[in-house]
Amino acid sequence: MIGKLTGRLDLRAADHVLIDVAGVGYIVHCSERTLATLPGAGEAVSLYTELLVREDLLQLFGFQTPYEREWHRLLTSVQGIGAKASMAILGAIGAEGVARAIAIGDWSAIRAAPGVGPKLAQRVVNELKDKAPAAMALGGSLVEATGDAPAAPAMQSGPAAAATAQAEALSALGNLGYAPGEAAQAVAEAAGAEPDAETPALIRAALKRLAPKEG
């Protein structure tokens, strides 16, 4: 299994890049969002990858972070969502956006991806809503275990930091006794309102959402 490629960017196309790794060229399909973060031709590049194996096809898909790759795996587990649709969703709203949309049941955010209709968007939310808390919690540990994707550290720090902050906030709320589902929804809503919030601010904002409403 090819889990990561580091080499030199040879060619950039509309939906893929060609990466030279020690003289071997790998075609890696990427979302628009990922393509926008990559350097120019001839420069060093690194991507986490997922290999799609079919009877008549082998395709590599590239991601900025392992957290994004994990959401790709979850999305493609939904009936009707292939690799192309998953990349469209991640390209439209990013891994953090997917986590937030599923946690709060916002299927219209998933629907914003090209080629994804309302029924399919609703299916994504319905089938993955129970998996969202675990995936969000996994985000921080994945980033800590592997580090930021090294292709462009300054650009990668945003998604990596957001994933870590959301994972830490979710863990803190779990330690306080909140159920995974309600904690994930509160963290997702807080992150949506303040995407760059660090862990302490995210926890405070989520707790405000979880506080009993006065009659």
N, C-alpha and C. Protein backbone atom coordinates (compact mmCIF):
# COMPACT_ATOMS: atom_id res chain seq x y z
N MET A 1 0.85 -1.20 0.00
CA MET A 1 0.00 0.00 0.00
C MET A 1 0.88 1.25 0.00
N ILE A 2 0.60 2.17 -0.89
CA ILE A 2 1.35 3.43 -0.95
C ILE A 2 0.60 4.45 -0.09
N GLY A 3 1.18 4.83 1.04
CA GLY A 3 0.50 5.74 1.96
C GLY A 3 0.95 7.17 1.88
N LYS A 4 2.11 7.41 1.26
CA LYS A 4 2.64 8.77 1.18
C LYS A 4 3.69 8.83 0.09
N LEU A 5 3.72 9.96 -0.63
CA LEU A 5 4.72 10.18 -1.66
C LEU A 5 5.43 11.51 -1.41
N THR A 6 6.74 11.49 -1.52
CA THR A 6 7.53 12.72 -1.41
C THR A 6 8.49 12.76 -2.59
N GLY A 7 8.43 13.84 -3.34
CA GLY A 7 9.30 13.94 -4.51
C GLY A 7 9.26 15.33 -5.11
N ARG A 8 9.35 15.39 -6.42
CA ARG A 8 9.36 16.67 -7.13
C ARG A 8 8.14 16.74 -8.04
N LEU A 9 7.47 17.88 -8.02
CA LEU A 9 6.28 18.06 -8.86
C LEU A 9 6.70 18.27 -10.30
N ASP A 10 6.34 17.33 -11.15
CA ASP A 10 6.70 17.41 -12.57
C ASP A 10 5.64 18.12 -13.40
N LEU A 11 4.38 17.81 -13.11
CA LEU A 11 3.29 18.28 -13.96
C LEU A 11 2.03 18.48 -13.14
N ARG A 12 1.32 19.55 -13.42
CA ARG A 12 0.03 19.81 -12.77
C ARG A 12 -1.05 19.85 -13.85
N ALA A 13 -2.11 19.07 -13.66
CA ALA A 13 -3.24 19.06 -14.58
C ALA A 13 -4.49 19.52 -13.85
N ALA A 14 -5.65 19.41 -14.50
CA ALA A 14 -6.89 19.92 -13.91
C ALA A 14 -7.30 19.16 -12.66
N ASP A 15 -7.03 17.85 -12.63
CA ASP A 15 -7.48 17.05 -11.49
C ASP A 15 -6.40 16.13 -10.94
N HIS A 16 -5.16 16.29 -11.40
CA HIS A 16 -4.09 15.43 -10.90
C HIS A 16 -2.74 16.08 -11.07
N VAL A 17 -1.76 15.49 -10.43
CA VAL A 17 -0.37 15.94 -10.59
C VAL A 17 0.49 14.72 -10.90
N LEU A 18 1.67 14.98 -11.46
CA LEU A 18 2.66 13.94 -11.69
C LEU A 18 3.83 14.24 -10.76
N ILE A 19 4.13 13.31 -9.86
CA ILE A 19 5.20 13.49 -8.89
C ILE A 19 6.34 12.53 -9.21
N ASP A 20 7.53 13.09 -9.39
CA ASP A 20 8.73 12.29 -9.65
C ASP A 20 9.33 11.88 -8.32
N VAL A 21 9.35 10.58 -8.05
CA VAL A 21 9.94 10.05 -6.83
C VAL A 21 11.11 9.15 -7.24
N ALA A 22 12.33 9.66 -7.10
CA ALA A 22 13.55 8.90 -7.44
C ALA A 22 13.49 8.36 -8.87
N GLY A 23 13.00 9.20 -9.79
CA GLY A 23 12.98 8.81 -11.18
C GLY A 23 11.73 8.08 -11.65
N VAL A 24 10.82 7.79 -10.72
CA VAL A 24 9.56 7.13 -11.08
C VAL A 24 8.43 8.15 -10.96
N GLY A 25 7.63 8.28 -12.01
CA GLY A 25 6.55 9.27 -12.00
C GLY A 25 5.23 8.66 -11.54
N TYR A 26 4.62 9.28 -10.53
CA TYR A 26 3.34 8.81 -10.01
C TYR A 26 2.25 9.83 -10.34
N ILE A 27 1.17 9.38 -10.96
CA ILE A 27 0.02 10.24 -11.20
C ILE A 27 -0.87 10.17 -9.95
N VAL A 28 -1.11 11.35 -9.36
CA VAL A 28 -1.89 11.41 -8.12
C VAL A 28 -3.07 12.35 -8.33
N HIS A 29 -4.28 11.83 -8.18
CA HIS A 29 -5.49 12.63 -8.35
C HIS A 29 -5.77 13.41 -7.05
N CYS A 30 -6.09 14.68 -7.21
CA CYS A 30 -6.28 15.56 -6.05
C CYS A 30 -7.54 16.40 -6.21
N SER A 31 -8.08 16.85 -5.10
CA SER A 31 -9.20 17.78 -5.14
C SER A 31 -8.70 19.17 -5.53
N GLU A 32 -9.61 20.03 -5.92
CA GLU A 32 -9.25 21.41 -6.26
C GLU A 32 -8.59 22.10 -5.08
N ARG A 33 -9.08 21.82 -3.89
CA ARG A 33 -8.54 22.45 -2.68
C ARG A 33 -7.09 22.05 -2.46
N THR A 34 -6.80 20.77 -2.65
CA THR A 34 -5.43 20.29 -2.48
C THR A 34 -4.53 20.83 -3.57
N LEU A 35 -5.01 20.82 -4.80
CA LEU A 35 -4.20 21.34 -5.91
C LEU A 35 -3.79 22.79 -5.68
N ALA A 36 -4.69 23.55 -5.08
CA ALA A 36 -4.42 24.98 -4.85
C ALA A 36 -3.30 25.20 -3.85
N THR A 37 -3.01 24.21 -3.01
CA THR A 37 -1.97 24.37 -1.98
C THR A 37 -0.59 23.92 -2.47
N LEU A 38 -0.54 23.24 -3.60
CA LEU A 38 0.72 22.65 -4.03
C LEU A 38 1.65 23.68 -4.66
N PRO A 39 2.97 23.44 -4.58
CA PRO A 39 3.95 24.38 -5.14
C PRO A 39 4.01 24.27 -6.66
N GLY A 40 4.91 25.04 -7.26
CA GLY A 40 5.05 25.04 -8.71
C GLY A 40 5.86 23.85 -9.20
N ALA A 41 5.87 23.67 -10.52
CA ALA A 41 6.61 22.58 -11.14
C ALA A 41 8.09 22.67 -10.78
N GLY A 42 8.67 21.51 -10.50
CA GLY A 42 10.08 21.45 -10.15
C GLY A 42 10.37 21.56 -8.67
N GLU A 43 9.35 21.90 -7.88
CA GLU A 43 9.55 22.06 -6.44
C GLU A 43 9.19 20.79 -5.68
N ALA A 44 9.69 20.71 -4.45
CA ALA A 44 9.44 19.54 -3.60
C ALA A 44 7.98 19.50 -3.18
N VAL A 45 7.42 18.30 -3.13
CA VAL A 45 6.02 18.14 -2.77
C VAL A 45 5.85 16.82 -2.02
N SER A 46 4.89 16.79 -1.11
CA SER A 46 4.60 15.57 -0.36
C SER A 46 3.10 15.47 -0.15
N LEU A 47 2.55 14.29 -0.38
CA LEU A 47 1.12 14.07 -0.21
C LEU A 47 0.88 12.71 0.45
N TYR A 48 -0.10 12.67 1.34
CA TYR A 48 -0.60 11.40 1.85
C TYR A 48 -1.49 10.81 0.77
N THR A 49 -1.47 9.51 0.59
CA THR A 49 -2.16 8.92 -0.55
C THR A 49 -3.04 7.74 -0.16
N GLU A 50 -4.00 7.49 -1.02
CA GLU A 50 -4.89 6.33 -0.91
C GLU A 50 -4.92 5.67 -2.28
N LEU A 51 -4.70 4.36 -2.32
CA LEU A 51 -4.66 3.64 -3.58
C LEU A 51 -6.00 2.96 -3.84
N LEU A 52 -6.60 3.29 -4.96
CA LEU A 52 -7.85 2.64 -5.38
C LEU A 52 -7.51 1.50 -6.31
N VAL A 53 -7.96 0.30 -5.96
CA VAL A 53 -7.65 -0.89 -6.75
C VAL A 53 -8.92 -1.47 -7.32
N ARG A 54 -8.97 -1.54 -8.63
CA ARG A 54 -10.08 -2.21 -9.31
C ARG A 54 -9.50 -3.24 -10.27
N GLU A 55 -10.38 -4.04 -10.84
CA GLU A 55 -9.91 -5.11 -11.73
C GLU A 55 -9.12 -4.55 -12.91
N ASP A 56 -9.56 -3.40 -13.43
CA ASP A 56 -8.90 -2.84 -14.61
C ASP A 56 -8.30 -1.46 -14.35
N LEU A 57 -8.08 -1.11 -13.06
CA LEU A 57 -7.66 0.25 -12.77
C LEU A 57 -6.91 0.34 -11.44
N LEU A 58 -5.83 1.11 -11.45
CA LEU A 58 -5.13 1.49 -10.23
C LEU A 58 -5.01 3.01 -10.23
N GLN A 59 -5.52 3.66 -9.20
CA GLN A 59 -5.47 5.11 -9.11
C GLN A 59 -5.01 5.55 -7.73
N LEU A 60 -4.13 6.55 -7.71
CA LEU A 60 -3.69 7.14 -6.45
C LEU A 60 -4.41 8.45 -6.24
N PHE A 61 -4.87 8.69 -5.00
CA PHE A 61 -5.50 9.94 -4.63
C PHE A 61 -4.67 10.60 -3.54
N GLY A 62 -4.46 11.91 -3.66
CA GLY A 62 -3.58 12.61 -2.73
C GLY A 62 -4.31 13.56 -1.81
N PHE A 63 -3.77 13.71 -0.59
CA PHE A 63 -4.42 14.53 0.44
C PHE A 63 -3.38 15.34 1.21
N GLN A 64 -3.82 16.51 1.71
CA GLN A 64 -2.93 17.37 2.46
C GLN A 64 -2.53 16.76 3.80
N THR A 65 -3.49 16.11 4.47
CA THR A 65 -3.26 15.57 5.81
C THR A 65 -3.85 14.16 5.91
N PRO A 66 -3.38 13.36 6.87
CA PRO A 66 -4.00 12.05 7.08
C PRO A 66 -5.45 12.15 7.55
N TYR A 67 -5.80 13.27 8.18
CA TYR A 67 -7.19 13.49 8.61
C TYR A 67 -8.11 13.60 7.40
N GLU A 68 -7.65 14.32 6.38
CA GLU A 68 -8.43 14.43 5.15
C GLU A 68 -8.56 13.06 4.47
N ARG A 69 -7.48 12.31 4.48
CA ARG A 69 -7.52 10.97 3.89
C ARG A 69 -8.52 10.07 4.63
N GLU A 70 -8.58 10.20 5.95
CA GLU A 70 -9.51 9.39 6.74
C GLU A 70 -10.95 9.72 6.37
N TRP A 71 -11.24 11.00 6.16
CA TRP A 71 -12.60 11.38 5.75
C TRP A 71 -12.91 10.89 4.34
N HIS A 72 -11.91 10.83 3.48
CA HIS A 72 -12.11 10.25 2.15
C HIS A 72 -12.53 8.78 2.28
N ARG A 73 -11.86 8.06 3.17
CA ARG A 73 -12.21 6.65 3.38
C ARG A 73 -13.63 6.50 3.89
N LEU A 74 -14.03 7.37 4.81
CA LEU A 74 -15.39 7.31 5.35
C LEU A 74 -16.42 7.66 4.27
N LEU A 75 -16.14 8.69 3.51
CA LEU A 75 -17.08 9.11 2.46
C LEU A 75 -17.29 8.01 1.44
N THR A 76 -16.21 7.35 1.03
CA THR A 76 -16.34 6.31 0.00
C THR A 76 -16.96 5.03 0.55
N SER A 77 -17.17 4.97 1.87
CA SER A 77 -17.89 3.81 2.43
C SER A 77 -19.40 3.96 2.27
N VAL A 78 -19.85 5.14 1.89
CA VAL A 78 -21.27 5.40 1.69
C VAL A 78 -21.68 4.95 0.29
N GLN A 79 -22.75 4.20 0.20
CA GLN A 79 -23.22 3.73 -1.10
C GLN A 79 -23.51 4.92 -2.01
N GLY A 80 -22.96 4.88 -3.21
CA GLY A 80 -23.18 5.96 -4.17
C GLY A 80 -22.09 7.00 -4.19
N ILE A 81 -21.19 6.93 -3.20
CA ILE A 81 -20.07 7.87 -3.15
C ILE A 81 -18.80 7.15 -3.58
N GLY A 82 -18.36 7.43 -4.79
CA GLY A 82 -17.10 6.88 -5.25
C GLY A 82 -15.96 7.86 -4.97
N ALA A 83 -14.79 7.53 -5.44
CA ALA A 83 -13.63 8.38 -5.19
C ALA A 83 -13.83 9.77 -5.79
N LYS A 84 -14.42 9.85 -6.98
CA LYS A 84 -14.63 11.13 -7.63
C LYS A 84 -15.55 12.03 -6.82
N ALA A 85 -16.65 11.47 -6.33
CA ALA A 85 -17.60 12.26 -5.53
C ALA A 85 -16.97 12.69 -4.21
N SER A 86 -16.20 11.79 -3.61
CA SER A 86 -15.53 12.12 -2.36
C SER A 86 -14.57 13.29 -2.55
N MET A 87 -13.80 13.25 -3.64
CA MET A 87 -12.85 14.33 -3.91
C MET A 87 -13.58 15.65 -4.18
N ALA A 88 -14.75 15.56 -4.80
CA ALA A 88 -15.55 16.76 -5.06
C ALA A 88 -16.03 17.38 -3.74
N ILE A 89 -16.47 16.52 -2.82
CA ILE A 89 -16.94 17.00 -1.51
C ILE A 89 -15.80 17.63 -0.72
N LEU A 90 -14.67 16.92 -0.65
CA LEU A 90 -13.52 17.45 0.08
C LEU A 90 -12.98 18.70 -0.57
N GLY A 91 -13.04 18.77 -1.89
CA GLY A 91 -12.58 19.96 -2.59
C GLY A 91 -13.47 21.16 -2.34
N ALA A 92 -14.76 20.89 -2.13
CA ALA A 92 -15.71 21.98 -1.93
C ALA A 92 -15.65 22.55 -0.52
N ILE A 93 -15.59 21.67 0.50
CA ILE A 93 -15.69 22.18 1.88
C ILE A 93 -14.58 21.71 2.81
N GLY A 94 -13.67 20.85 2.34
CA GLY A 94 -12.56 20.41 3.16
C GLY A 94 -12.97 19.38 4.21
N ALA A 95 -11.98 18.73 4.80
CA ALA A 95 -12.25 17.69 5.79
C ALA A 95 -12.97 18.25 7.01
N GLU A 96 -12.53 19.44 7.47
CA GLU A 96 -13.17 20.04 8.64
C GLU A 96 -14.61 20.40 8.33
N GLY A 97 -14.85 20.87 7.10
CA GLY A 97 -16.21 21.20 6.69
C GLY A 97 -17.10 19.98 6.63
N VAL A 98 -16.56 18.86 6.16
CA VAL A 98 -17.31 17.61 6.12
C VAL A 98 -17.68 17.17 7.52
N ALA A 99 -16.69 17.20 8.43
CA ALA A 99 -16.95 16.79 9.82
C ALA A 99 -18.03 17.65 10.45
N ARG A 100 -17.95 18.95 10.23
CA ARG A 100 -18.92 19.88 10.81
C ARG A 100 -20.32 19.63 10.22
N ALA A 101 -20.38 19.49 8.90
CA ALA A 101 -21.68 19.29 8.24
C ALA A 101 -22.37 18.03 8.73
N ILE A 102 -21.61 16.95 8.87
CA ILE A 102 -22.20 15.69 9.31
C ILE A 102 -22.59 15.76 10.78
N ALA A 103 -21.75 16.39 11.59
CA ALA A 103 -22.04 16.47 13.03
C ALA A 103 -23.32 17.25 13.31
N ILE A 104 -23.58 18.30 12.53
CA ILE A 104 -24.77 19.12 12.79
C ILE A 104 -25.93 18.78 11.85
N GLY A 105 -25.72 17.77 10.98
CA GLY A 105 -26.79 17.35 10.09
C GLY A 105 -27.06 18.30 8.94
N ASP A 106 -26.05 19.04 8.52
CA ASP A 106 -26.22 20.03 7.45
C ASP A 106 -25.93 19.39 6.10
N TRP A 107 -26.89 18.66 5.56
CA TRP A 107 -26.66 17.98 4.29
C TRP A 107 -26.54 18.96 3.13
N SER A 108 -27.05 20.17 3.29
CA SER A 108 -26.94 21.16 2.20
C SER A 108 -25.49 21.55 1.94
N ALA A 109 -24.63 21.47 2.97
CA ALA A 109 -23.21 21.75 2.77
C ALA A 109 -22.57 20.68 1.90
N ILE A 110 -22.98 19.41 2.12
CA ILE A 110 -22.48 18.32 1.28
C ILE A 110 -23.01 18.48 -0.14
N ARG A 111 -24.24 18.94 -0.24
CA ARG A 111 -24.89 19.14 -1.54
C ARG A 111 -24.17 20.18 -2.38
N ALA A 112 -23.39 21.04 -1.76
CA ALA A 112 -22.68 22.09 -2.50
C ALA A 112 -21.60 21.54 -3.42
N ALA A 113 -21.19 20.29 -3.21
CA ALA A 113 -20.16 19.69 -4.06
C ALA A 113 -20.72 19.38 -5.44
N PRO A 114 -19.97 19.65 -6.50
CA PRO A 114 -20.44 19.35 -7.86
C PRO A 114 -20.78 17.87 -8.03
N GLY A 115 -21.94 17.60 -8.62
CA GLY A 115 -22.33 16.23 -8.91
C GLY A 115 -22.98 15.49 -7.76
N VAL A 116 -23.16 16.14 -6.61
CA VAL A 116 -23.79 15.49 -5.46
C VAL A 116 -25.20 16.03 -5.29
N GLY A 117 -26.19 15.18 -5.50
CA GLY A 117 -27.58 15.60 -5.39
C GLY A 117 -28.07 15.59 -3.96
N PRO A 118 -29.27 16.11 -3.72
CA PRO A 118 -29.80 16.19 -2.35
C PRO A 118 -29.98 14.83 -1.68
N LYS A 119 -30.46 13.83 -2.41
CA LYS A 119 -30.67 12.52 -1.81
C LYS A 119 -29.35 11.89 -1.37
N LEU A 120 -28.34 12.03 -2.22
CA LEU A 120 -27.03 11.48 -1.90
C LEU A 120 -26.40 12.23 -0.72
N ALA A 121 -26.59 13.54 -0.70
CA ALA A 121 -26.05 14.34 0.41
C ALA A 121 -26.69 13.94 1.73
N GLN A 122 -28.01 13.71 1.70
CA GLN A 122 -28.70 13.28 2.91
C GLN A 122 -28.23 11.89 3.36
N ARG A 123 -27.96 11.03 2.38
CA ARG A 123 -27.48 9.69 2.72
C ARG A 123 -26.12 9.76 3.41
N VAL A 124 -25.25 10.64 2.92
CA VAL A 124 -23.93 10.81 3.54
C VAL A 124 -24.08 11.20 5.00
N VAL A 125 -24.92 12.18 5.26
CA VAL A 125 -25.12 12.65 6.64
C VAL A 125 -25.72 11.55 7.50
N ASN A 126 -26.73 10.87 6.99
CA ASN A 126 -27.42 9.84 7.77
C ASN A 126 -26.51 8.65 8.10
N GLU A 127 -25.70 8.24 7.11
CA GLU A 127 -24.86 7.05 7.32
C GLU A 127 -23.61 7.33 8.13
N LEU A 128 -23.14 8.58 8.13
CA LEU A 128 -21.88 8.88 8.82
C LEU A 128 -22.06 9.66 10.12
N LYS A 129 -23.31 10.02 10.47
CA LYS A 129 -23.50 10.85 11.67
C LYS A 129 -23.00 10.16 12.94
N ASP A 130 -23.14 8.83 13.00
CA ASP A 130 -22.67 8.12 14.20
C ASP A 130 -21.15 7.95 14.21
N LYS A 131 -20.51 8.13 13.04
CA LYS A 131 -19.06 7.98 12.95
C LYS A 131 -18.33 9.32 13.09
N ALA A 132 -19.07 10.42 13.00
CA ALA A 132 -18.45 11.73 13.05
C ALA A 132 -17.67 12.00 14.33
N PRO A 133 -18.22 11.69 15.52
CA PRO A 133 -17.45 11.97 16.74
C PRO A 133 -16.11 11.25 16.79
N ALA A 134 -16.10 9.97 16.42
CA ALA A 134 -14.85 9.21 16.44
C ALA A 134 -13.85 9.75 15.43
N ALA A 135 -14.35 10.13 14.25
CA ALA A 135 -13.46 10.67 13.22
C ALA A 135 -12.89 12.01 13.64
N MET A 136 -13.73 12.85 14.25
CA MET A 136 -13.25 14.15 14.73
C MET A 136 -12.20 13.98 15.83
N ALA A 137 -12.44 13.02 16.72
CA ALA A 137 -11.49 12.76 17.80
C ALA A 137 -10.18 12.20 17.25
N LEU A 138 -10.27 11.47 16.16
CA LEU A 138 -9.08 10.89 15.55
C LEU A 138 -8.20 11.96 14.91
N GLY A 139 -8.80 13.07 14.54
CA GLY A 139 -8.07 14.11 13.84
C GLY A 139 -6.82 14.57 14.56
N GLY A 140 -6.93 14.87 15.83
CA GLY A 140 -5.78 15.35 16.59
C GLY A 140 -4.69 14.32 16.69
N SER A 141 -5.05 13.06 16.95
CA SER A 141 -4.03 12.03 17.11
C SER A 141 -3.33 11.74 15.79
N LEU A 142 -4.05 11.83 14.68
CA LEU A 142 -3.42 11.62 13.38
C LEU A 142 -2.40 12.71 13.09
N VAL A 143 -2.77 13.96 13.38
CA VAL A 143 -1.85 15.07 13.14
C VAL A 143 -0.62 14.94 14.03
N GLU A 144 -0.84 14.59 15.30
CA GLU A 144 0.28 14.47 16.22
C GLU A 144 1.18 13.30 15.85
N ALA A 145 0.60 12.23 15.35
CA ALA A 145 1.38 11.04 15.03
C ALA A 145 2.23 11.22 13.79
N THR A 146 1.73 11.97 12.82
CA THR A 146 2.42 12.07 11.53
C THR A 146 3.00 13.44 11.28
N GLY A 147 2.52 14.46 11.99
CA GLY A 147 2.94 15.82 11.70
C GLY A 147 2.15 16.40 10.56
N ASP A 148 2.31 17.67 10.30
CA ASP A 148 1.64 18.31 9.17
C ASP A 148 2.20 17.77 7.87
N ALA A 149 1.36 17.72 6.86
CA ALA A 149 1.87 17.36 5.54
C ALA A 149 2.94 18.35 5.15
N PRO A 150 4.14 17.89 4.76
CA PRO A 150 5.26 18.80 4.62
C PRO A 150 5.36 19.55 3.31
N ALA A 151 4.38 19.40 2.41
CA ALA A 151 4.50 20.05 1.12
C ALA A 151 4.62 21.55 1.25
N ALA A 152 3.80 22.15 2.12
CA ALA A 152 3.83 23.61 2.32
C ALA A 152 3.39 23.88 3.73
N PRO A 153 4.30 23.83 4.70
CA PRO A 153 3.93 23.91 6.11
C PRO A 153 3.05 25.08 6.46
N ALA A 154 3.31 26.25 5.91
CA ALA A 154 2.52 27.43 6.28
C ALA A 154 1.07 27.25 5.86
N MET A 155 0.84 26.61 4.71
CA MET A 155 -0.52 26.44 4.22
C MET A 155 -1.20 25.28 4.93
N GLN A 156 -0.40 24.28 5.36
CA GLN A 156 -1.00 23.11 5.96
C GLN A 156 -1.36 23.32 7.42
N SER A 157 -0.78 24.33 8.05
CA SER A 157 -0.98 24.49 9.48
C SER A 157 -2.44 24.77 9.84
N GLY A 158 -3.18 25.41 8.94
CA GLY A 158 -4.58 25.71 9.22
C GLY A 158 -5.42 24.47 9.45
N PRO A 159 -5.53 23.58 8.43
CA PRO A 159 -6.32 22.36 8.60
C PRO A 159 -5.80 21.48 9.73
N ALA A 160 -4.48 21.36 9.86
CA ALA A 160 -3.92 20.51 10.91
C ALA A 160 -4.27 21.07 12.29
N ALA A 161 -4.11 22.38 12.46
CA ALA A 161 -4.42 23.01 13.74
C ALA A 161 -5.90 22.88 14.07
N ALA A 162 -6.75 23.05 13.06
CA ALA A 162 -8.19 22.95 13.28
C ALA A 162 -8.58 21.54 13.70
N ALA A 163 -7.99 20.54 13.05
CA ALA A 163 -8.30 19.15 13.39
C ALA A 163 -7.87 18.84 14.82
N THR A 164 -6.69 19.33 15.20
CA THR A 164 -6.20 19.08 16.55
C THR A 164 -7.07 19.75 17.59
N ALA A 165 -7.43 21.02 17.34
CA ALA A 165 -8.25 21.76 18.31
C ALA A 165 -9.61 21.10 18.48
N GLN A 166 -10.23 20.66 17.39
CA GLN A 166 -11.54 20.03 17.48
C GLN A 166 -11.44 18.69 18.22
N ALA A 167 -10.37 17.93 17.94
CA ALA A 167 -10.19 16.65 18.62
C ALA A 167 -10.00 16.85 20.12
N GLU A 168 -9.19 17.84 20.49
CA GLU A 168 -8.94 18.10 21.91
C GLU A 168 -10.19 18.60 22.61
N ALA A 169 -10.95 19.46 21.93
CA ALA A 169 -12.19 19.96 22.53
C ALA A 169 -13.19 18.83 22.71
N LEU A 170 -13.29 17.95 21.72
CA LEU A 170 -14.20 16.81 21.80
C LEU A 170 -13.82 15.89 22.96
N SER A 171 -12.52 15.66 23.12
CA SER A 171 -12.03 14.83 24.21
C SER A 171 -12.37 15.46 25.57
N ALA A 172 -12.18 16.78 25.66
CA ALA A 172 -12.46 17.47 26.92
C ALA A 172 -13.94 17.38 27.28
N LEU A 173 -14.80 17.54 26.30
CA LEU A 173 -16.24 17.46 26.57
C LEU A 173 -16.64 16.04 26.96
N GLY A 174 -15.97 15.06 26.34
CA GLY A 174 -16.24 13.68 26.72
C GLY A 174 -15.84 13.41 28.16
N ASN A 175 -14.72 14.00 28.58
CA ASN A 175 -14.28 13.84 29.96
C ASN A 175 -15.24 14.50 30.95
N LEU A 176 -15.97 15.49 30.45
CA LEU A 176 -16.95 16.17 31.30
C LEU A 176 -18.28 15.43 31.35
N GLY A 177 -18.38 14.35 30.60
CA GLY A 177 -19.57 13.52 30.67
C GLY A 177 -20.58 13.72 29.56
N TYR A 178 -20.26 14.55 28.59
CA TYR A 178 -21.20 14.77 27.48
C TYR A 178 -21.15 13.59 26.51
N ALA A 179 -22.30 13.25 25.94
CA ALA A 179 -22.38 12.16 24.98
C ALA A 179 -21.64 12.53 23.71
N PRO A 180 -21.01 11.55 23.02
CA PRO A 180 -20.23 11.85 21.82
C PRO A 180 -20.99 12.64 20.75
N GLY A 181 -22.26 12.28 20.53
CA GLY A 181 -23.04 12.95 19.50
C GLY A 181 -23.28 14.42 19.79
N GLU A 182 -23.73 14.72 21.02
CA GLU A 182 -24.01 16.11 21.35
C GLU A 182 -22.73 16.92 21.47
N ALA A 183 -21.65 16.28 21.93
CA ALA A 183 -20.37 16.97 22.01
C ALA A 183 -19.85 17.31 20.62
N ALA A 184 -19.96 16.36 19.70
CA ALA A 184 -19.50 16.59 18.32
C ALA A 184 -20.28 17.71 17.66
N GLN A 185 -21.59 17.74 17.89
CA GLN A 185 -22.41 18.79 17.30
C GLN A 185 -22.03 20.16 17.85
N ALA A 186 -21.81 20.24 19.16
CA ALA A 186 -21.45 21.51 19.78
C ALA A 186 -20.09 21.99 19.29
N VAL A 187 -19.12 21.08 19.21
CA VAL A 187 -17.79 21.45 18.73
C VAL A 187 -17.85 21.88 17.26
N ALA A 188 -18.62 21.15 16.47
CA ALA A 188 -18.75 21.49 15.05
C ALA A 188 -19.37 22.87 14.86
N GLU A 189 -20.40 23.17 15.64
CA GLU A 189 -21.04 24.49 15.54
C GLU A 189 -20.08 25.59 15.99
N ALA A 190 -19.34 25.33 17.06
CA ALA A 190 -18.38 26.32 17.55
C ALA A 190 -17.27 26.55 16.54
N ALA A 191 -16.78 25.47 15.93
CA ALA A 191 -15.72 25.59 14.93
C ALA A 191 -16.23 26.31 13.69
N GLY A 192 -17.48 26.09 13.34
CA GLY A 192 -18.05 26.79 12.19
C GLY A 192 -18.15 28.29 12.42
N ALA A 193 -18.46 28.68 13.66
CA ALA A 193 -18.58 30.10 13.98
C ALA A 193 -17.22 30.77 14.10
N GLU A 194 -16.22 30.00 14.54
CA GLU A 194 -14.87 30.56 14.73
C GLU A 194 -13.84 29.52 14.27
N PRO A 195 -13.59 29.44 12.95
CA PRO A 195 -12.74 28.38 12.39
C PRO A 195 -11.32 28.36 12.93
N ASP A 196 -10.78 29.52 13.32
CA ASP A 196 -9.39 29.59 13.77
C ASP A 196 -9.25 29.51 15.29
N ALA A 197 -10.33 29.18 15.98
CA ALA A 197 -10.28 29.14 17.44
C ALA A 197 -9.33 28.04 17.93
N GLU A 198 -8.57 28.38 18.98
CA GLU A 198 -7.72 27.38 19.60
C GLU A 198 -8.55 26.56 20.59
N THR A 199 -7.95 25.51 21.11
CA THR A 199 -8.69 24.55 21.93
C THR A 199 -9.47 25.18 23.09
N PRO A 200 -8.86 26.02 23.93
CA PRO A 200 -9.61 26.58 25.06
C PRO A 200 -10.84 27.36 24.63
N ALA A 201 -10.69 28.19 23.58
CA ALA A 201 -11.81 28.99 23.09
C ALA A 201 -12.89 28.09 22.50
N LEU A 202 -12.46 27.03 21.84
CA LEU A 202 -13.41 26.10 21.24
C LEU A 202 -14.21 25.38 22.32
N ILE A 203 -13.54 25.00 23.40
CA ILE A 203 -14.23 24.33 24.51
C ILE A 203 -15.26 25.27 25.14
N ARG A 204 -14.86 26.51 25.39
CA ARG A 204 -15.79 27.48 26.00
C ARG A 204 -17.01 27.70 25.11
N ALA A 205 -16.77 27.85 23.81
CA ALA A 205 -17.88 28.09 22.88
C ALA A 205 -18.81 26.88 22.80
N ALA A 206 -18.22 25.69 22.82
CA ALA A 206 -19.04 24.47 22.76
C ALA A 206 -19.86 24.31 24.04
N LEU A 207 -19.25 24.64 25.19
CA LEU A 207 -19.98 24.54 26.46
C LEU A 207 -21.17 25.50 26.50
N LYS A 208 -21.01 26.67 25.92
CA LYS A 208 -22.12 27.62 25.86
C LYS A 208 -23.29 27.02 25.08
N ARG A 209 -22.96 26.30 24.01
CA ARG A 209 -24.01 25.67 23.20
C ARG A 209 -24.67 24.52 23.91
N LEU A 210 -23.92 23.89 24.81
CA LEU A 210 -24.45 22.74 25.55
C LEU A 210 -25.19 23.14 26.83
N ALA A 211 -25.03 24.39 27.21
CA ALA A 211 -25.66 24.86 28.45
C ALA A 211 -27.18 24.80 28.31
N PRO A 212 -27.88 24.41 29.37
CA PRO A 212 -29.35 24.35 29.32
C PRO A 212 -29.93 25.72 28.96
N LYS A 213 -30.88 25.73 28.07
CA LYS A 213 -31.53 26.98 27.69
C LYS A 213 -32.54 27.40 28.76
N GLU A 214 -32.48 28.65 29.13
CA GLU A 214 -33.41 29.15 30.13
C GLU A 214 -34.79 29.31 29.50
N GLY A 215 -35.79 28.87 30.23
CA GLY A 215 -37.16 28.92 29.71
C GLY A 215 -37.68 30.32 29.63
